[in-house]
Amino acid sequence: MLDFDLAELYGAETKRFKESVRRNMKRFPSDFMFELNPEEWKNLRSQIASSGCCDSRYVPFAFTEQAVAMLSGH
């Protein structure tokens, strides 16, 4: 899942959600989440542009299933 999806799920602004994640990077094992690179983000946006979710200029964090489960437990 991408950060903006999780922020919406938790009722938070994406910016605030990302700030919280950045403050707690040590809590996420390196294989639980990663930040897309600009080329990956460009490709993904071109595939889902019609959904209106991709207005962000910033590349999102991507979270694995394990990270989402870890987030939901806190």
Protein backbone atom coordinates (compact mmCIF):
# COMPACT_ATOMS: atom_id res chain seq x y z
CA MET A 1 0.00 0.00 0.00
CA LEU A 2 1.12 3.53 -0.62
CA ASP A 3 1.39 6.20 2.04
CA PHE A 4 -1.54 8.26 0.75
CA ASP A 5 -3.81 5.20 0.91
CA LEU A 6 -2.77 4.48 4.48
CA ALA A 7 -3.12 8.12 5.50
CA GLU A 8 -6.68 8.12 4.19
CA LEU A 9 -7.40 4.85 5.98
CA TYR A 10 -6.20 6.34 9.28
CA GLY A 11 -7.88 9.70 8.71
CA ALA A 12 -4.65 11.65 8.51
CA GLU A 13 -3.13 14.05 6.02
CA THR A 14 -0.53 12.32 3.86
CA LYS A 15 2.05 14.94 4.84
CA ARG A 16 1.52 14.23 8.55
CA PHE A 17 1.53 10.48 7.98
CA LYS A 18 4.86 10.70 6.14
CA GLU A 19 6.33 12.90 8.88
CA SER A 20 5.38 10.31 11.46
CA VAL A 21 6.91 7.51 9.41
CA ARG A 22 10.13 9.47 8.93
CA ARG A 23 10.36 10.10 12.69
CA ASN A 24 9.99 6.36 13.32
CA MET A 25 12.12 4.85 10.53
CA LYS A 26 13.98 2.60 12.97
CA ARG A 27 10.71 0.79 13.74
CA PHE A 28 10.40 -0.44 10.15
CA PRO A 29 12.69 -3.24 9.00
CA SER A 30 14.22 -2.35 5.65
CA ASP A 31 12.13 -4.97 3.85
CA PHE A 32 8.81 -3.67 5.29
CA MET A 33 8.74 -0.34 3.47
CA PHE A 34 10.62 1.69 0.90
CA GLU A 35 10.32 4.95 -0.96
CA LEU A 36 9.60 4.67 -4.67
CA ASN A 37 12.19 6.25 -6.90
CA PRO A 38 11.04 9.05 -9.25
CA GLU A 39 10.92 6.75 -12.28
CA GLU A 40 8.81 4.14 -10.45
CA TRP A 41 6.46 6.88 -9.28
CA LYS A 42 6.16 8.30 -12.78
CA ASN A 43 5.30 4.86 -14.18
CA LEU A 44 2.79 4.14 -11.43
CA ARG A 45 1.09 7.52 -11.82
CA SER A 46 0.67 6.94 -15.53
CA GLN A 47 -1.11 3.65 -14.77
CA ILE A 48 -3.50 5.01 -12.13
CA ALA A 49 -3.83 8.67 -13.12
CA SER A 50 -7.54 8.40 -13.76
CA SER A 51 -8.25 7.64 -10.11
CA GLY A 52 -7.26 11.16 -9.01
CA CYS A 53 -5.06 9.85 -6.21
CA CYS A 54 -1.76 10.93 -7.62
CA ASP A 55 -1.63 14.71 -7.27
CA SER A 56 1.39 14.57 -5.00
CA ARG A 57 4.66 15.94 -6.34
CA TYR A 58 6.52 13.77 -3.86
CA VAL A 59 7.31 10.13 -4.31
CA PRO A 60 5.36 7.96 -1.89
CA PHE A 61 6.43 5.35 0.57
CA ALA A 62 5.29 1.84 -0.27
CA PHE A 63 4.44 -0.52 2.59
CA THR A 64 4.43 -4.29 2.49
CA GLU A 65 1.64 -6.38 3.97
CA GLN A 66 3.76 -6.91 7.09
CA ALA A 67 4.26 -3.17 7.56
CA VAL A 68 0.52 -2.50 7.18
CA ALA A 69 -0.16 -5.15 9.83
CA MET A 70 2.46 -3.59 12.08
CA LEU A 71 0.89 -0.13 11.63
CA SER A 72 -2.57 -1.41 12.43
CA GLY A 73 -1.30 -2.86 15.69
CA HIS A 74 -0.23 0.54 17.01
